[in-house]
Amino acid sequence: MASPRCRGALAVAAVLAAACADSPEPIAPTNPALAKAGPQAPGPGADFELAAPVFGLSVSPDGSLMAASGAGLTELRQGAANLVAALPGASGVAQLGRGNALAVTGAPPEGVGPAGSRSLYRVSRGGARLVADLGAFEEEVNPDQVWNPGEPDSNPFNLALLSGGEVLVADAAANALLVVEARGEVDWVAVLPPKMLPFMGNMIPVQPVATSIAVGPDGAYYVGELTGFPATPGNSLVWRIEAGTRHTVCPSDACTAVLHGLTSVMDLAFGPDGTLYVVELDEAGWLATQGGTQPAAGGAVKACDVTSDSCTVVADGLDLPAAIAVGADGTVWIAENESIPGTAHVHALGS
């Protein structure tokens, strides 16, 4: 029995596909429905609400935050939220400087969304410029065809910056880690493998679904996976891929699993002390958030040591957490999508 091809990956449970479909148009930053925060600059105790689900967070050296939602990019700074640029379908963001960022757009529900979806953009205040069409790369190359007989499918979901202008992109539906060179050329770094898991008395191949990417203090690339239907808890991994790797199919000498036993990983971020923070959408698995046979248990953030394959829960009972960012001062920011559709709550852990 073959498993379905996790379309749009986070289409995954439709949590994200549905969220993107229902995202409202960008609202003027002065509208209290877009943001509410105290007078303080972002830091422990700061609290923001956005009128669109948040899928990506990035923190700059000065401590300002930028959020990626289905509507676009929003800067969270000094107690205010300001729309940087409308970018429908934005799912991941990495800041380059004040008001400038790179962002990826994911796969919209069928028939919804603008031309240029599944792409990498350079975003500045009020505008976005196409850098690379990642969907076109998937159609042409389809790296996971080495094990996946399905049609090409792309849903860029997360990104991380490298030196020299290169950008890593986790493509959830392609089950792959991509790299975009400084001039916009696209190549693939690694393909994640399927798992054989039990379902209704049979062993079925299960999509890995690459949702997250972070560059470690050792320079290696760390990729988190959601794990597709039937979303059995405890089967998501974090992979370590050697810096500079190209065209490897995991596991390999260049790609090894360093964290095991995770569930529905949505995002990764390293802290200044080398701790890897891992976001789990729901500890009962993403299917539980979609009315599956098991009730939802709430999401979690775990602090993990990638050298010993060990994690400690630092927050649980979260409401559909989807994104995390860690400041230079160690402040851990989390985005919870409180309802679909509805508002997203961006706050420091413990606040």
Protein backbone atom coordinates (compact mmCIF):
# COMPACT_ATOMS: atom_id res chain seq x y z
CA MET A 1 0.00 0.00 0.00
CA ALA A 2 1.58 3.25 -1.11
CA SER A 3 1.40 6.37 1.01
CA PRO A 4 0.02 9.58 -0.48
CA ARG A 5 2.56 12.13 -1.66
CA CYS A 6 2.23 14.75 1.14
CA ARG A 7 1.21 17.47 -1.29
CA GLY A 8 2.42 20.83 -0.16
CA ALA A 9 3.99 19.01 2.65
CA LEU A 10 2.54 21.15 5.23
CA ALA A 11 -0.23 20.70 3.19
CA VAL A 12 0.86 18.13 5.43
CA ALA A 13 -2.13 18.06 7.44
CA ALA A 14 -3.64 20.84 5.58
CA VAL A 15 -2.72 22.86 8.62
CA LEU A 16 -0.62 25.06 6.41
CA ALA A 17 -2.43 24.60 3.14
CA ALA A 18 -5.67 25.65 4.76
CA ALA A 19 -3.96 28.46 6.60
CA CYS A 20 -2.49 29.88 3.41
CA ALA A 21 -5.85 29.67 1.69
CA ASP A 22 -7.55 31.57 4.46
CA SER A 23 -4.87 34.17 5.13
CA PRO A 24 -6.32 37.67 5.04
CA GLU A 25 -4.97 40.47 2.89
CA PRO A 26 -2.21 42.51 4.58
CA ILE A 27 -3.58 45.01 7.09
CA ALA A 28 -2.10 48.43 7.76
CA PRO A 29 0.31 48.21 10.70
CA THR A 30 -1.67 50.83 12.61
CA ASN A 31 -4.66 48.50 12.76
CA PRO A 32 -4.79 46.97 16.27
CA ALA A 33 -6.00 43.72 14.71
CA LEU A 34 -2.57 43.30 13.14
CA ALA A 35 -0.42 43.80 16.18
CA LYS A 36 -0.52 44.54 19.84
CA ALA A 37 2.56 44.85 21.98
CA GLY A 38 3.82 46.70 24.97
CA PRO A 39 6.05 49.76 24.68
CA GLN A 40 9.20 47.76 25.19
CA ALA A 41 11.46 46.56 22.38
CA PRO A 42 11.31 42.83 21.64
CA GLY A 43 12.75 40.92 24.55
CA PRO A 44 11.45 38.77 27.37
CA GLY A 45 7.87 39.83 27.99
CA ALA A 46 7.19 41.30 24.53
CA ASP A 47 4.04 39.94 22.96
CA PHE A 48 2.67 40.28 19.43
CA GLU A 49 -0.50 39.10 17.75
CA LEU A 50 -0.77 38.99 13.96
CA ALA A 51 -3.96 38.57 11.98
CA ALA A 52 -2.50 35.82 9.83
CA PRO A 53 -0.85 32.49 10.64
CA VAL A 54 2.95 32.69 11.03
CA PHE A 55 5.13 30.02 9.43
CA GLY A 56 8.59 31.59 9.77
CA LEU A 57 10.54 33.81 12.19
CA SER A 58 13.92 35.49 11.91
CA VAL A 59 15.78 37.58 14.48
CA SER A 60 18.35 40.19 13.48
CA PRO A 61 21.51 41.13 15.42
CA ASP A 62 19.73 44.18 16.89
CA GLY A 63 17.02 41.89 18.26
CA SER A 64 14.22 42.88 15.87
CA LEU A 65 12.02 40.11 14.56
CA MET A 66 10.53 39.43 11.16
CA ALA A 67 7.63 37.06 10.65
CA ALA A 68 6.60 35.25 7.45
CA SER A 69 2.90 34.53 7.06
CA GLY A 70 0.51 33.64 4.27
CA ALA A 71 0.11 37.36 3.61
CA GLY A 72 3.71 38.56 3.58
CA LEU A 73 6.57 39.72 5.82
CA THR A 74 6.00 41.73 9.00
CA GLU A 75 8.69 43.37 11.15
CA LEU A 76 8.18 43.19 14.92
CA ARG A 77 10.23 45.92 16.57
CA GLN A 78 10.04 48.38 19.45
CA GLY A 79 6.52 47.42 20.38
CA ALA A 80 5.07 47.67 16.88
CA ALA A 81 4.40 45.45 13.88
CA ASN A 82 5.05 46.91 10.45
CA LEU A 83 4.28 45.29 7.15
CA VAL A 84 7.50 45.10 5.13
CA ALA A 85 6.02 43.69 1.92
CA ALA A 86 3.01 41.75 0.78
CA LEU A 87 4.16 38.31 -0.38
CA PRO A 88 1.29 35.81 -0.58
CA GLY A 89 2.29 32.34 0.57
CA ALA A 90 5.43 33.40 2.44
CA SER A 91 6.53 30.49 4.61
CA GLY A 92 10.16 31.19 5.57
CA VAL A 93 12.27 34.30 6.15
CA ALA A 94 15.91 35.18 6.84
CA GLN A 95 16.81 38.79 7.57
CA LEU A 96 19.69 40.47 5.74
CA GLY A 97 19.42 43.80 7.51
CA ARG A 98 16.84 46.28 8.69
CA GLY A 99 13.84 45.97 6.37
CA ASN A 100 15.62 43.55 4.00
CA ALA A 101 15.27 39.80 3.88
CA LEU A 102 15.16 36.68 1.79
CA ALA A 103 11.92 34.71 1.83
CA VAL A 104 10.46 31.58 0.29
CA THR A 105 6.90 31.07 -0.83
CA GLY A 106 5.30 27.66 -0.58
CA ALA A 107 2.73 25.77 -2.58
CA PRO A 108 -0.77 27.29 -2.42
CA PRO A 109 -3.89 25.12 -2.45
CA GLU A 110 -4.80 24.07 -5.98
CA GLY A 111 -6.08 26.98 -8.00
CA VAL A 112 -5.07 29.56 -5.38
CA GLY A 113 -2.06 31.86 -5.34
CA PRO A 114 -0.02 34.00 -7.71
CA ALA A 115 2.39 33.06 -10.43
CA GLY A 116 5.84 32.67 -8.91
CA SER A 117 4.75 30.48 -6.02
CA ARG A 118 7.37 27.97 -4.84
CA SER A 119 10.15 30.54 -5.19
CA LEU A 120 12.92 32.42 -3.39
CA TYR A 121 12.53 36.21 -3.18
CA ARG A 122 14.66 39.16 -2.12
CA VAL A 123 12.34 41.42 -0.12
CA SER A 124 12.77 45.08 0.78
CA ARG A 125 10.27 47.59 2.05
CA GLY A 126 7.26 47.54 -0.22
CA GLY A 127 8.61 45.11 -2.79
CA ALA A 128 9.83 41.62 -3.61
CA ARG A 129 12.18 40.51 -6.40
CA LEU A 130 12.30 36.93 -7.69
CA VAL A 131 15.67 35.29 -7.09
CA ALA A 132 14.99 31.67 -8.07
CA ASP A 133 12.02 29.62 -9.24
CA LEU A 134 12.30 26.52 -7.03
CA GLY A 135 9.17 24.92 -8.44
CA ALA A 136 10.69 24.99 -11.93
CA PHE A 137 13.83 23.31 -10.58
CA GLU A 138 11.72 20.55 -9.06
CA GLU A 139 9.86 20.02 -12.34
CA GLU A 140 13.14 19.71 -14.23
CA VAL A 141 15.30 17.77 -11.76
CA ASN A 142 12.98 16.16 -9.17
CA PRO A 143 15.86 14.97 -6.92
CA ASP A 144 13.84 12.49 -4.85
CA GLN A 145 12.91 10.47 -7.93
CA VAL A 146 15.72 8.15 -6.84
CA TRP A 147 13.15 6.58 -4.50
CA ASN A 148 9.85 8.43 -5.06
CA PRO A 149 7.94 7.38 -8.18
CA GLY A 150 5.40 10.19 -7.79
CA GLU A 151 5.13 13.32 -9.88
CA PRO A 152 7.42 16.27 -9.11
CA ASP A 153 6.10 18.30 -6.20
CA SER A 154 7.53 21.36 -4.49
CA ASN A 155 6.72 23.34 -1.35
CA PRO A 156 9.69 25.45 -0.21
CA PHE A 157 9.10 25.99 3.49
CA ASN A 158 12.23 27.16 5.30
CA LEU A 159 15.60 28.71 4.53
CA ALA A 160 18.98 29.54 6.05
CA LEU A 161 21.75 31.86 4.94
CA LEU A 162 25.28 30.75 4.08
CA SER A 163 28.36 32.88 3.52
CA GLY A 164 29.05 34.14 0.03
CA GLY A 165 25.39 34.84 -0.72
CA GLU A 166 24.26 31.21 -0.87
CA VAL A 167 20.92 30.17 0.60
CA LEU A 168 19.76 26.75 1.82
CA VAL A 169 16.09 25.87 1.30
CA ALA A 170 14.17 23.00 2.86
CA ASP A 171 11.60 21.91 0.27
CA ALA A 172 8.96 19.97 2.16
CA ALA A 173 7.12 18.37 -0.73
CA ALA A 174 10.32 17.61 -2.64
CA ASN A 175 11.81 15.80 0.41
CA ALA A 176 15.03 17.64 -0.31
CA LEU A 177 17.48 20.29 0.82
CA LEU A 178 18.31 22.75 -1.97
CA VAL A 179 20.98 25.43 -2.34
CA VAL A 180 20.58 28.66 -4.29
CA GLU A 181 23.85 30.20 -5.43
CA ALA A 182 24.48 33.94 -5.25
CA ARG A 183 23.44 34.41 -8.90
CA GLY A 184 20.23 32.44 -8.50
CA GLU A 185 21.33 29.04 -9.80
CA VAL A 186 19.63 26.16 -7.97
CA ASP A 187 21.14 22.79 -7.07
CA TRP A 188 20.24 20.05 -4.62
CA VAL A 189 22.25 19.21 -1.54
CA ALA A 190 20.52 16.13 -0.15
CA VAL A 191 17.43 13.97 -0.48
CA LEU A 192 15.84 12.55 2.66
CA PRO A 193 14.79 8.89 2.63
CA PRO A 194 11.33 7.41 3.26
CA LYS A 195 10.51 5.27 6.29
CA MET A 196 8.66 1.97 6.40
CA LEU A 197 6.03 2.25 9.13
CA PRO A 198 3.04 0.10 10.09
CA PHE A 199 -0.44 1.13 8.98
CA MET A 200 -3.55 -1.08 9.18
CA GLY A 201 -1.48 -4.24 9.35
CA ASN A 202 0.84 -3.31 6.49
CA MET A 203 4.24 -1.66 6.27
CA ILE A 204 3.99 1.42 4.07
CA PRO A 205 6.58 3.92 2.77
CA VAL A 206 6.23 7.26 4.57
CA GLN A 207 7.42 10.61 3.24
CA PRO A 208 10.10 12.37 5.34
CA VAL A 209 8.84 15.95 4.54
CA ALA A 210 11.76 18.37 5.05
CA THR A 211 10.33 21.31 6.97
CA SER A 212 13.31 23.03 8.56
CA ILE A 213 16.95 23.97 8.10
CA ALA A 214 19.53 25.53 10.44
CA VAL A 215 23.27 26.01 10.11
CA GLY A 216 25.12 24.72 13.15
CA PRO A 217 28.07 26.30 14.98
CA ASP A 218 30.17 23.61 13.27
CA GLY A 219 29.06 24.90 9.86
CA ALA A 220 27.08 21.75 9.07
CA TYR A 221 23.48 21.84 7.81
CA TYR A 222 20.79 20.47 10.12
CA VAL A 223 17.48 19.43 8.55
CA GLY A 224 14.31 18.57 10.47
CA GLU A 225 11.50 16.44 9.10
CA LEU A 226 7.79 16.33 9.77
CA THR A 227 7.16 12.71 8.64
CA GLY A 228 4.09 12.13 6.49
CA PHE A 229 0.95 10.05 6.79
CA PRO A 230 0.16 8.21 9.06
CA ALA A 231 2.18 10.68 11.20
CA THR A 232 3.13 8.12 13.83
CA PRO A 233 4.65 9.90 16.87
CA GLY A 234 8.33 9.43 17.58
CA ASN A 235 9.49 8.88 14.00
CA SER A 236 10.78 12.32 13.00
CA LEU A 237 14.52 12.89 12.73
CA VAL A 238 17.03 15.70 12.52
CA TRP A 239 19.79 15.10 9.97
CA ARG A 240 23.31 16.54 9.96
CA ILE A 241 24.74 17.22 6.50
CA GLU A 242 28.38 18.16 6.00
CA ALA A 243 28.98 21.71 4.78
CA GLY A 244 29.48 21.95 1.03
CA THR A 245 27.72 18.64 0.32
CA ARG A 246 26.00 18.17 -3.05
CA HIS A 247 23.88 15.33 -4.41
CA THR A 248 23.80 12.95 -1.46
CA VAL A 249 20.92 10.63 -0.61
CA CYS A 250 20.64 10.24 3.14
CA PRO A 251 21.88 8.31 5.02
CA SER A 252 25.42 8.56 3.67
CA ASP A 253 28.91 9.45 4.82
CA ALA A 254 27.92 13.11 4.40
CA CYS A 255 24.45 12.82 5.96
CA THR A 256 23.66 11.20 9.29
CA ALA A 257 20.70 11.32 11.68
CA VAL A 258 21.72 13.04 14.93
CA LEU A 259 18.37 13.33 16.72
CA HIS A 260 15.79 10.54 16.89
CA GLY A 261 12.38 10.03 18.45
CA LEU A 262 10.91 13.42 17.57
CA THR A 263 7.38 14.11 16.36
CA SER A 264 6.16 16.41 13.57
CA VAL A 265 9.15 18.77 13.50
CA MET A 266 8.27 22.22 12.17
CA ASP A 267 11.33 24.38 12.81
CA LEU A 268 14.90 24.43 14.14
CA ALA A 269 17.13 27.17 15.56
CA PHE A 270 20.52 27.12 17.26
CA GLY A 271 21.09 29.18 20.38
CA PRO A 272 24.32 31.08 21.07
CA ASP A 273 25.52 28.23 23.31
CA GLY A 274 25.11 25.62 20.56
CA THR A 275 21.80 24.22 21.82
CA LEU A 276 19.47 23.20 19.00
CA TYR A 277 15.87 24.18 19.70
CA VAL A 278 13.32 21.95 17.96
CA VAL A 279 9.65 22.81 17.45
CA GLU A 280 7.12 19.97 17.35
CA LEU A 281 3.68 20.87 15.94
CA ASP A 282 1.90 18.40 18.23
CA GLU A 283 3.33 15.65 20.39
CA ALA A 284 0.57 13.30 19.22
CA GLY A 285 1.55 13.94 15.60
CA TRP A 286 0.23 16.42 13.04
CA LEU A 287 -2.67 14.14 12.09
CA ALA A 288 -4.08 14.61 15.60
CA THR A 289 -4.52 18.32 14.85
CA GLN A 290 -6.66 17.39 11.86
CA GLY A 291 -9.22 15.29 13.69
CA GLY A 292 -7.28 12.02 13.56
CA THR A 293 -8.03 9.00 15.70
CA GLN A 294 -5.80 10.33 18.48
CA PRO A 295 -6.58 13.60 20.31
CA ALA A 296 -4.15 16.50 19.95
CA ALA A 297 -1.67 16.80 22.82
CA GLY A 298 -0.26 20.27 22.11
CA GLY A 299 3.02 21.29 20.57
CA ALA A 300 6.41 21.49 22.24
CA VAL A 301 9.83 23.10 22.10
CA LYS A 302 12.79 20.91 22.97
CA ALA A 303 16.37 21.92 23.72
CA CYS A 304 18.64 19.33 22.14
CA ASP A 305 22.30 18.32 22.17
CA VAL A 306 23.13 17.06 18.69
CA THR A 307 26.34 15.42 19.92
CA SER A 308 24.54 13.09 22.34
CA ASP A 309 21.13 12.64 20.64
CA SER A 310 19.36 13.96 23.72
CA CYS A 311 16.58 16.51 24.20
CA THR A 312 14.83 18.23 27.10
CA VAL A 313 11.34 19.69 26.91
CA VAL A 314 11.44 23.44 27.63
CA ALA A 315 7.82 24.21 26.71
CA ASP A 316 4.80 22.07 25.97
CA GLY A 317 1.06 22.37 25.56
CA LEU A 318 1.61 24.94 22.80
CA ASP A 319 -1.07 25.78 20.26
CA LEU A 320 0.11 24.76 16.78
CA PRO A 321 3.66 26.17 17.09
CA ALA A 322 5.21 26.62 13.67
CA ALA A 323 8.29 28.82 13.93
CA ILE A 324 11.15 29.64 16.26
CA ALA A 325 14.02 32.13 16.40
CA VAL A 326 16.76 32.64 18.99
CA GLY A 327 18.35 36.03 19.64
CA ALA A 328 22.00 36.71 20.34
CA ASP A 329 21.06 37.19 24.00
CA GLY A 330 19.53 33.70 24.12
CA THR A 331 15.90 34.84 24.03
CA VAL A 332 13.82 32.10 22.40
CA TRP A 333 10.92 33.36 20.31
CA ILE A 334 8.03 31.13 19.30
CA ALA A 335 5.04 31.60 17.00
CA GLU A 336 1.83 29.80 17.94
CA ASN A 337 -1.00 29.68 15.42
CA GLU A 338 -3.89 29.87 17.85
CA SER A 339 -6.55 28.93 15.34
CA ILE A 340 -6.79 28.15 11.65
CA PRO A 341 -7.68 30.68 10.37
CA GLY A 342 -7.21 33.21 13.16
CA THR A 343 -4.35 34.94 14.91
CA ALA A 344 -0.76 34.04 15.51
CA HIS A 345 0.83 34.75 18.87
CA VAL A 346 4.56 35.60 18.75
CA HIS A 347 6.22 35.72 22.16
CA ALA A 348 9.34 34.87 24.08
CA LEU A 349 9.23 31.51 25.81
CA GLY A 350 8.16 32.01 29.40
CA SER A 351 6.05 35.05 28.57
